[in-house]
Amino acid sequence: MTRTVAHFGALHAAVANAGFIPADHPRTIADGDPELWAPMVLTNVLGPALLANAALPHLETTGGRRPPSPSPRPSASPSASRPTWTSTP
């Protein structure tokens, strides 16, 4: 982030636009293996948190516009619009 700000002069926005669900991910939590969830959690949860940690000091300096929800604004992957999860009553 520091090199990017140094190159462009400022940071005015940040978008956390990464996420995935592995193709072989089980369809139910009961069938899942928590150890196999680590790469997905690192990308989908830790990634945006690391972005926020790096971006917020620069956004505060530039007065970056803050949307109604905290900045940086996370976005969903296409997988979110095509959920493969199933639930049982």
N, C-alpha and C. Protein backbone atom coordinates (compact mmCIF):
# COMPACT_ATOMS: atom_id res chain seq x y z
N MET A 1 0.83 -1.18 0.00
CA MET A 1 0.00 0.00 0.00
C MET A 1 0.88 1.25 0.00
N THR A 2 1.93 1.24 0.80
CA THR A 2 2.80 2.41 0.89
C THR A 2 3.44 2.71 -0.45
N ARG A 3 3.89 1.68 -1.16
CA ARG A 3 4.50 1.91 -2.49
C ARG A 3 3.47 2.44 -3.47
N THR A 4 2.26 1.95 -3.40
CA THR A 4 1.20 2.42 -4.30
C THR A 4 0.89 3.89 -4.04
N VAL A 5 0.76 4.25 -2.76
CA VAL A 5 0.49 5.65 -2.41
C VAL A 5 1.67 6.53 -2.83
N ALA A 6 2.88 6.04 -2.63
CA ALA A 6 4.05 6.82 -3.04
C ALA A 6 4.05 7.02 -4.55
N HIS A 7 3.66 6.02 -5.31
CA HIS A 7 3.66 6.12 -6.77
C HIS A 7 2.56 7.05 -7.28
N PHE A 8 1.34 6.90 -6.74
CA PHE A 8 0.20 7.67 -7.25
C PHE A 8 -0.07 8.95 -6.46
N GLY A 9 0.53 9.09 -5.30
CA GLY A 9 0.39 10.32 -4.54
C GLY A 9 -0.65 10.29 -3.45
N ALA A 10 -1.64 9.44 -3.54
CA ALA A 10 -2.69 9.40 -2.51
C ALA A 10 -3.57 8.17 -2.73
N LEU A 11 -4.35 7.85 -1.72
CA LEU A 11 -5.35 6.79 -1.82
C LEU A 11 -6.69 7.39 -1.46
N HIS A 12 -7.66 7.25 -2.35
CA HIS A 12 -8.98 7.84 -2.12
C HIS A 12 -10.08 6.79 -1.96
N ALA A 13 -9.78 5.54 -2.29
CA ALA A 13 -10.77 4.48 -2.16
C ALA A 13 -10.06 3.14 -2.12
N ALA A 14 -10.70 2.16 -1.52
CA ALA A 14 -10.18 0.79 -1.50
C ALA A 14 -11.35 -0.17 -1.62
N VAL A 15 -11.20 -1.18 -2.44
CA VAL A 15 -12.27 -2.16 -2.65
C VAL A 15 -11.70 -3.55 -2.41
N ALA A 16 -12.28 -4.27 -1.50
CA ALA A 16 -11.88 -5.65 -1.24
C ALA A 16 -12.69 -6.53 -2.19
N ASN A 17 -12.08 -6.90 -3.29
CA ASN A 17 -12.79 -7.61 -4.35
C ASN A 17 -12.12 -8.94 -4.64
N ALA A 18 -12.05 -9.78 -3.63
CA ALA A 18 -11.50 -11.11 -3.80
C ALA A 18 -12.32 -12.06 -2.95
N GLY A 19 -12.48 -13.24 -3.43
CA GLY A 19 -13.20 -14.25 -2.68
C GLY A 19 -13.39 -15.48 -3.53
N PHE A 20 -13.51 -16.60 -2.88
CA PHE A 20 -13.74 -17.82 -3.64
C PHE A 20 -14.36 -18.90 -2.77
N ILE A 21 -14.96 -19.84 -3.43
CA ILE A 21 -15.42 -21.09 -2.84
C ILE A 21 -14.86 -22.18 -3.73
N PRO A 22 -14.03 -23.07 -3.20
CA PRO A 22 -13.44 -24.12 -4.04
C PRO A 22 -14.53 -24.98 -4.69
N ALA A 23 -14.25 -25.40 -5.91
CA ALA A 23 -15.23 -26.22 -6.65
C ALA A 23 -15.55 -27.51 -5.91
N ASP A 24 -14.58 -28.06 -5.18
CA ASP A 24 -14.81 -29.32 -4.47
C ASP A 24 -15.27 -29.12 -3.03
N HIS A 25 -15.69 -27.90 -2.71
CA HIS A 25 -16.15 -27.61 -1.36
C HIS A 25 -17.42 -28.39 -1.09
N PRO A 26 -17.53 -29.02 0.08
CA PRO A 26 -18.74 -29.79 0.38
C PRO A 26 -19.97 -28.89 0.41
N ARG A 27 -21.10 -29.47 0.10
CA ARG A 27 -22.33 -28.68 0.04
C ARG A 27 -22.94 -28.42 1.41
N THR A 28 -22.54 -29.15 2.42
CA THR A 28 -23.04 -28.90 3.77
C THR A 28 -21.87 -28.78 4.73
N ILE A 29 -22.08 -28.04 5.78
CA ILE A 29 -21.03 -27.91 6.80
C ILE A 29 -20.77 -29.26 7.45
N ALA A 30 -21.80 -30.05 7.62
CA ALA A 30 -21.64 -31.37 8.24
C ALA A 30 -20.67 -32.25 7.45
N ASP A 31 -20.61 -32.06 6.13
CA ASP A 31 -19.71 -32.86 5.29
C ASP A 31 -18.33 -32.24 5.15
N GLY A 32 -18.14 -31.06 5.72
CA GLY A 32 -16.89 -30.33 5.52
C GLY A 32 -15.80 -30.70 6.50
N ASP A 33 -14.60 -30.30 6.14
CA ASP A 33 -13.43 -30.48 6.98
C ASP A 33 -12.89 -29.09 7.31
N PRO A 34 -12.99 -28.66 8.56
CA PRO A 34 -12.55 -27.31 8.91
C PRO A 34 -11.12 -26.99 8.48
N GLU A 35 -10.24 -27.98 8.44
CA GLU A 35 -8.86 -27.72 8.00
C GLU A 35 -8.82 -27.30 6.53
N LEU A 36 -9.77 -27.78 5.75
CA LEU A 36 -9.80 -27.43 4.33
C LEU A 36 -10.41 -26.05 4.11
N TRP A 37 -11.04 -25.48 5.13
CA TRP A 37 -11.65 -24.16 5.00
C TRP A 37 -10.62 -23.04 5.10
N ALA A 38 -9.44 -23.32 5.62
CA ALA A 38 -8.44 -22.28 5.88
C ALA A 38 -8.15 -21.39 4.67
N PRO A 39 -7.86 -21.94 3.48
CA PRO A 39 -7.57 -21.04 2.35
C PRO A 39 -8.75 -20.11 2.01
N MET A 40 -9.96 -20.62 2.11
CA MET A 40 -11.14 -19.81 1.81
C MET A 40 -11.30 -18.71 2.86
N VAL A 41 -11.12 -19.05 4.13
CA VAL A 41 -11.26 -18.06 5.19
C VAL A 41 -10.16 -17.01 5.08
N LEU A 42 -8.95 -17.43 4.77
CA LEU A 42 -7.85 -16.47 4.63
C LEU A 42 -8.15 -15.45 3.53
N THR A 43 -8.71 -15.91 2.42
CA THR A 43 -9.03 -15.01 1.32
C THR A 43 -10.26 -14.17 1.61
N ASN A 44 -11.32 -14.80 2.07
CA ASN A 44 -12.61 -14.13 2.19
C ASN A 44 -12.77 -13.29 3.46
N VAL A 45 -12.02 -13.60 4.51
CA VAL A 45 -12.16 -12.87 5.77
C VAL A 45 -10.88 -12.08 6.09
N LEU A 46 -9.76 -12.77 6.10
CA LEU A 46 -8.53 -12.09 6.46
C LEU A 46 -8.09 -11.09 5.39
N GLY A 47 -8.31 -11.41 4.12
CA GLY A 47 -7.92 -10.50 3.04
C GLY A 47 -8.51 -9.10 3.18
N PRO A 48 -9.83 -8.97 3.31
CA PRO A 48 -10.42 -7.65 3.50
C PRO A 48 -9.96 -6.96 4.79
N ALA A 49 -9.73 -7.74 5.86
CA ALA A 49 -9.24 -7.14 7.10
C ALA A 49 -7.84 -6.57 6.91
N LEU A 50 -6.98 -7.28 6.19
CA LEU A 50 -5.64 -6.77 5.92
C LEU A 50 -5.68 -5.53 5.03
N LEU A 51 -6.59 -5.54 4.06
CA LEU A 51 -6.74 -4.36 3.21
C LEU A 51 -7.18 -3.16 4.05
N ALA A 52 -8.14 -3.35 4.91
CA ALA A 52 -8.61 -2.26 5.76
C ALA A 52 -7.48 -1.74 6.64
N ASN A 53 -6.71 -2.65 7.21
CA ASN A 53 -5.60 -2.25 8.07
C ASN A 53 -4.58 -1.40 7.32
N ALA A 54 -4.31 -1.76 6.07
CA ALA A 54 -3.33 -1.01 5.28
C ALA A 54 -3.92 0.27 4.70
N ALA A 55 -5.18 0.26 4.33
CA ALA A 55 -5.77 1.39 3.62
C ALA A 55 -6.28 2.51 4.54
N LEU A 56 -6.81 2.18 5.68
CA LEU A 56 -7.47 3.20 6.51
C LEU A 56 -6.56 4.37 6.89
N PRO A 57 -5.30 4.16 7.26
CA PRO A 57 -4.47 5.34 7.56
C PRO A 57 -4.35 6.29 6.37
N HIS A 58 -4.26 5.75 5.16
CA HIS A 58 -4.15 6.59 3.96
C HIS A 58 -5.47 7.27 3.65
N LEU A 59 -6.59 6.55 3.85
CA LEU A 59 -7.90 7.14 3.60
C LEU A 59 -8.19 8.26 4.60
N GLU A 60 -7.74 8.11 5.83
CA GLU A 60 -7.93 9.16 6.82
C GLU A 60 -7.11 10.40 6.46
N THR A 61 -5.94 10.19 5.90
CA THR A 61 -5.08 11.31 5.51
C THR A 61 -5.68 12.10 4.36
N THR A 62 -6.25 11.40 3.39
CA THR A 62 -6.79 12.07 2.20
C THR A 62 -8.24 12.48 2.36
N GLY A 63 -8.86 12.07 3.47
CA GLY A 63 -10.28 12.36 3.63
C GLY A 63 -11.11 11.55 2.66
N GLY A 64 -10.62 10.35 2.33
CA GLY A 64 -11.34 9.48 1.41
C GLY A 64 -12.81 9.38 1.79
N ARG A 65 -13.67 9.39 0.78
CA ARG A 65 -15.10 9.32 1.04
C ARG A 65 -15.42 8.02 1.73
N ARG A 66 -16.20 8.10 2.75
CA ARG A 66 -16.61 6.90 3.47
C ARG A 66 -18.07 6.61 3.14
N PRO A 67 -18.31 5.43 2.61
CA PRO A 67 -19.71 5.04 2.36
C PRO A 67 -20.42 4.78 3.68
N PRO A 68 -21.74 4.55 3.65
CA PRO A 68 -22.47 4.31 4.90
C PRO A 68 -21.89 3.17 5.72
N SER A 69 -21.35 2.15 5.05
CA SER A 69 -20.67 1.09 5.80
C SER A 69 -19.20 1.44 5.86
N PRO A 70 -18.44 0.85 6.80
CA PRO A 70 -17.03 1.22 6.94
C PRO A 70 -16.25 1.01 5.65
N SER A 71 -15.32 1.89 5.40
CA SER A 71 -14.44 1.77 4.23
C SER A 71 -13.23 0.98 4.66
N PRO A 72 -12.63 0.15 3.85
CA PRO A 72 -12.95 -0.15 2.47
C PRO A 72 -14.23 -0.98 2.33
N ARG A 73 -14.85 -0.85 1.20
CA ARG A 73 -16.12 -1.51 0.95
C ARG A 73 -15.88 -2.91 0.38
N PRO A 74 -16.32 -3.95 1.07
CA PRO A 74 -16.16 -5.30 0.51
C PRO A 74 -17.19 -5.54 -0.58
N SER A 75 -16.87 -6.42 -1.47
CA SER A 75 -17.82 -6.81 -2.50
C SER A 75 -17.89 -8.33 -2.52
N ALA A 76 -18.88 -8.86 -3.18
CA ALA A 76 -19.08 -10.30 -3.21
C ALA A 76 -18.56 -10.89 -4.51
N SER A 77 -18.13 -12.11 -4.43
CA SER A 77 -17.69 -12.81 -5.63
C SER A 77 -18.92 -13.31 -6.38
N PRO A 78 -18.77 -13.67 -7.67
CA PRO A 78 -19.91 -14.22 -8.41
C PRO A 78 -20.49 -15.45 -7.74
N SER A 79 -19.67 -16.19 -6.99
CA SER A 79 -20.18 -17.38 -6.31
C SER A 79 -21.29 -17.04 -5.34
N ALA A 80 -21.27 -15.85 -4.78
CA ALA A 80 -22.28 -15.46 -3.82
C ALA A 80 -23.66 -15.36 -4.45
N SER A 81 -23.71 -15.06 -5.74
CA SER A 81 -25.01 -14.96 -6.40
C SER A 81 -25.51 -16.31 -6.89
N ARG A 82 -24.65 -17.32 -6.81
CA ARG A 82 -25.04 -18.68 -7.19
C ARG A 82 -24.68 -19.62 -6.05
N PRO A 83 -25.34 -19.49 -4.90
CA PRO A 83 -24.96 -20.32 -3.77
C PRO A 83 -25.16 -21.80 -4.04
N THR A 84 -24.24 -22.59 -3.51
CA THR A 84 -24.35 -24.04 -3.66
C THR A 84 -24.62 -24.70 -2.34
N TRP A 85 -24.81 -23.88 -1.28
CA TRP A 85 -25.05 -24.46 0.04
C TRP A 85 -26.46 -25.04 0.11
N THR A 86 -26.57 -26.08 0.85
CA THR A 86 -27.90 -26.65 1.10
C THR A 86 -28.13 -26.65 2.60
N SER A 87 -29.34 -26.59 2.98
CA SER A 87 -29.65 -26.67 4.40
C SER A 87 -30.65 -27.77 4.61
N THR A 88 -30.64 -28.30 5.80
CA THR A 88 -31.60 -29.32 6.13
C THR A 88 -32.45 -28.84 7.28
N PRO A 89 -33.72 -29.14 7.26
CA PRO A 89 -34.60 -28.67 8.34
C PRO A 89 -34.28 -29.33 9.66
